[in-house]
Amino acid sequence: MSADLAHARIGLEIARIAKSHSPVQDRTFVEGMIEMGAYLSQITYQESESYREALIRKTESRVEALRSGA
């Protein structure tokens, strides 16, 4: 897998959480993707931390939306 593909796929999975019915389980899956990308040196440590922060924000907003019944 190329670094460009890793970035695109992780970004896509983070974006999908906005419509997820089970964001916490999806978050776990994406965290695994981020870990694997970092382990394989497809993304840097700084990039992985940036992805994690974006993932946390996206998951929290989706959980709140589901709780409010939106």
N, C-alpha and C. Protein backbone atom coordinates (compact mmCIF):
# COMPACT_ATOMS: atom_id res chain seq x y z
N MET A 1 0.86 -1.17 0.00
CA MET A 1 0.00 0.00 0.00
C MET A 1 0.90 1.23 0.00
N SER A 2 0.57 2.19 -0.83
CA SER A 2 1.35 3.42 -0.87
C SER A 2 0.91 4.38 0.22
N ALA A 3 1.75 5.35 0.51
CA ALA A 3 1.42 6.33 1.54
C ALA A 3 0.20 7.15 1.13
N ASP A 4 0.09 7.48 -0.15
CA ASP A 4 -1.07 8.24 -0.62
C ASP A 4 -2.37 7.47 -0.42
N LEU A 5 -2.33 6.18 -0.69
CA LEU A 5 -3.51 5.35 -0.49
C LEU A 5 -3.86 5.24 0.98
N ALA A 6 -2.86 5.13 1.83
CA ALA A 6 -3.11 5.06 3.27
C ALA A 6 -3.78 6.33 3.76
N HIS A 7 -3.29 7.49 3.33
CA HIS A 7 -3.89 8.77 3.73
C HIS A 7 -5.33 8.88 3.23
N ALA A 8 -5.55 8.49 2.00
CA ALA A 8 -6.89 8.59 1.42
C ALA A 8 -7.87 7.66 2.14
N ARG A 9 -7.45 6.46 2.41
CA ARG A 9 -8.34 5.48 3.04
C ARG A 9 -8.67 5.87 4.48
N ILE A 10 -7.68 6.31 5.23
CA ILE A 10 -7.94 6.73 6.61
C ILE A 10 -8.84 7.95 6.63
N GLY A 11 -8.60 8.91 5.75
CA GLY A 11 -9.47 10.09 5.67
C GLY A 11 -10.90 9.71 5.31
N LEU A 12 -11.06 8.78 4.40
CA LEU A 12 -12.40 8.32 4.01
C LEU A 12 -13.12 7.65 5.17
N GLU A 13 -12.43 6.81 5.90
CA GLU A 13 -13.06 6.12 7.03
C GLU A 13 -13.43 7.09 8.15
N ILE A 14 -12.62 8.10 8.37
CA ILE A 14 -12.96 9.12 9.37
C ILE A 14 -14.21 9.88 8.93
N ALA A 15 -14.28 10.21 7.66
CA ALA A 15 -15.45 10.93 7.14
C ALA A 15 -16.72 10.09 7.24
N ARG A 16 -16.61 8.78 7.07
CA ARG A 16 -17.77 7.90 7.14
C ARG A 16 -18.41 7.86 8.53
N ILE A 17 -17.65 8.17 9.54
CA ILE A 17 -18.18 8.13 10.89
C ILE A 17 -19.30 9.13 11.07
N ALA A 18 -19.32 10.19 10.28
CA ALA A 18 -20.37 11.21 10.39
C ALA A 18 -21.76 10.64 10.12
N LYS A 19 -21.85 9.50 9.44
CA LYS A 19 -23.15 8.89 9.13
C LYS A 19 -23.31 7.51 9.77
N SER A 20 -22.38 7.13 10.60
CA SER A 20 -22.36 5.80 11.18
C SER A 20 -23.45 5.60 12.22
N HIS A 21 -24.00 4.39 12.25
CA HIS A 21 -24.98 4.03 13.27
C HIS A 21 -24.29 3.50 14.52
N SER A 22 -23.03 3.11 14.39
CA SER A 22 -22.25 2.60 15.52
C SER A 22 -20.87 3.24 15.50
N PRO A 23 -20.79 4.54 15.84
CA PRO A 23 -19.52 5.26 15.70
C PRO A 23 -18.40 4.75 16.60
N VAL A 24 -18.74 4.20 17.76
CA VAL A 24 -17.68 3.75 18.67
C VAL A 24 -16.98 2.52 18.10
N GLN A 25 -17.74 1.59 17.56
CA GLN A 25 -17.13 0.41 16.95
C GLN A 25 -16.34 0.80 15.70
N ASP A 26 -16.87 1.71 14.92
CA ASP A 26 -16.16 2.17 13.73
C ASP A 26 -14.87 2.90 14.12
N ARG A 27 -14.92 3.62 15.22
CA ARG A 27 -13.73 4.32 15.69
C ARG A 27 -12.62 3.32 16.01
N THR A 28 -12.99 2.21 16.63
CA THR A 28 -12.01 1.18 16.95
C THR A 28 -11.36 0.64 15.69
N PHE A 29 -12.16 0.42 14.66
CA PHE A 29 -11.64 -0.06 13.38
C PHE A 29 -10.66 0.94 12.77
N VAL A 30 -11.03 2.21 12.77
CA VAL A 30 -10.17 3.24 12.17
C VAL A 30 -8.89 3.42 12.99
N GLU A 31 -8.99 3.31 14.31
CA GLU A 31 -7.78 3.39 15.13
C GLU A 31 -6.81 2.28 14.76
N GLY A 32 -7.34 1.10 14.47
CA GLY A 32 -6.49 0.00 14.01
C GLY A 32 -5.83 0.32 12.68
N MET A 33 -6.57 0.96 11.79
CA MET A 33 -5.99 1.35 10.50
C MET A 33 -4.85 2.35 10.71
N ILE A 34 -5.07 3.30 11.61
CA ILE A 34 -4.04 4.30 11.88
C ILE A 34 -2.80 3.64 12.46
N GLU A 35 -2.99 2.72 13.42
CA GLU A 35 -1.87 2.01 14.01
C GLU A 35 -1.10 1.21 12.96
N MET A 36 -1.82 0.54 12.09
CA MET A 36 -1.17 -0.26 11.06
C MET A 36 -0.39 0.63 10.09
N GLY A 37 -0.98 1.76 9.72
CA GLY A 37 -0.28 2.69 8.83
C GLY A 37 1.00 3.21 9.45
N ALA A 38 0.95 3.52 10.75
CA ALA A 38 2.15 4.00 11.43
C ALA A 38 3.18 2.87 11.55
N TYR A 39 2.71 1.67 11.87
CA TYR A 39 3.61 0.53 12.01
C TYR A 39 4.34 0.22 10.70
N LEU A 40 3.63 0.34 9.60
CA LEU A 40 4.22 0.06 8.29
C LEU A 40 4.94 1.27 7.69
N SER A 41 5.03 2.34 8.46
CA SER A 41 5.71 3.58 8.04
C SER A 41 5.05 4.22 6.83
N GLN A 42 3.74 4.04 6.69
CA GLN A 42 2.99 4.69 5.63
C GLN A 42 2.59 6.10 6.04
N ILE A 43 2.44 6.30 7.35
CA ILE A 43 2.15 7.64 7.89
C ILE A 43 3.12 7.89 9.04
N THR A 44 3.42 9.15 9.28
CA THR A 44 4.34 9.51 10.35
C THR A 44 3.60 9.55 11.69
N TYR A 45 4.36 9.63 12.75
CA TYR A 45 3.77 9.72 14.08
C TYR A 45 2.90 10.96 14.21
N GLN A 46 3.37 12.10 13.69
CA GLN A 46 2.61 13.34 13.74
C GLN A 46 1.31 13.22 12.97
N GLU A 47 1.37 12.58 11.82
CA GLU A 47 0.15 12.38 11.03
C GLU A 47 -0.83 11.46 11.76
N SER A 48 -0.30 10.43 12.39
CA SER A 48 -1.19 9.51 13.11
C SER A 48 -1.86 10.23 14.28
N GLU A 49 -1.15 11.08 14.97
CA GLU A 49 -1.75 11.85 16.06
C GLU A 49 -2.81 12.81 15.53
N SER A 50 -2.56 13.41 14.40
CA SER A 50 -3.54 14.31 13.78
C SER A 50 -4.80 13.54 13.40
N TYR A 51 -4.63 12.36 12.82
CA TYR A 51 -5.78 11.53 12.47
C TYR A 51 -6.56 11.12 13.72
N ARG A 52 -5.86 10.78 14.77
CA ARG A 52 -6.54 10.38 16.01
C ARG A 52 -7.37 11.53 16.57
N GLU A 53 -6.82 12.73 16.55
CA GLU A 53 -7.57 13.89 17.05
C GLU A 53 -8.82 14.13 16.20
N ALA A 54 -8.68 14.05 14.90
CA ALA A 54 -9.83 14.22 14.01
C ALA A 54 -10.86 13.12 14.25
N LEU A 55 -10.39 11.91 14.46
CA LEU A 55 -11.27 10.78 14.72
C LEU A 55 -12.05 10.98 16.02
N ILE A 56 -11.38 11.44 17.05
CA ILE A 56 -12.05 11.69 18.33
C ILE A 56 -13.14 12.75 18.17
N ARG A 57 -12.81 13.85 17.51
CA ARG A 57 -13.79 14.92 17.31
C ARG A 57 -14.99 14.43 16.51
N LYS A 58 -14.75 13.71 15.44
CA LYS A 58 -15.83 13.22 14.58
C LYS A 58 -16.70 12.21 15.35
N THR A 59 -16.09 11.32 16.10
CA THR A 59 -16.85 10.33 16.85
C THR A 59 -17.70 10.99 17.93
N GLU A 60 -17.11 11.94 18.66
CA GLU A 60 -17.85 12.62 19.72
C GLU A 60 -19.04 13.38 19.17
N SER A 61 -18.86 14.03 18.03
CA SER A 61 -19.99 14.78 17.46
C SER A 61 -21.08 13.84 16.97
N ARG A 62 -20.71 12.68 16.43
CA ARG A 62 -21.71 11.73 15.96
C ARG A 62 -22.47 11.09 17.14
N VAL A 63 -21.74 10.77 18.21
CA VAL A 63 -22.39 10.20 19.39
C VAL A 63 -23.40 11.22 19.95
N GLU A 64 -23.01 12.47 20.03
CA GLU A 64 -23.94 13.51 20.51
C GLU A 64 -25.16 13.63 19.62
N ALA A 65 -24.94 13.55 18.31
CA ALA A 65 -26.06 13.64 17.37
C ALA A 65 -27.02 12.46 17.56
N LEU A 66 -26.48 11.28 17.78
CA LEU A 66 -27.31 10.11 17.99
C LEU A 66 -28.08 10.20 19.31
N ARG A 67 -27.43 10.72 20.32
CA ARG A 67 -28.08 10.86 21.62
C ARG A 67 -29.21 11.89 21.59
N SER A 68 -29.02 12.93 20.80
CA SER A 68 -30.06 13.98 20.74
C SER A 68 -31.21 13.58 19.82
N GLY A 69 -31.07 12.49 19.12
CA GLY A 69 -32.14 12.03 18.23
C GLY A 69 -32.20 12.75 16.91
N ALA A 70 -31.11 13.39 16.53
CA ALA A 70 -31.08 14.15 15.29
C ALA A 70 -31.02 13.29 14.08
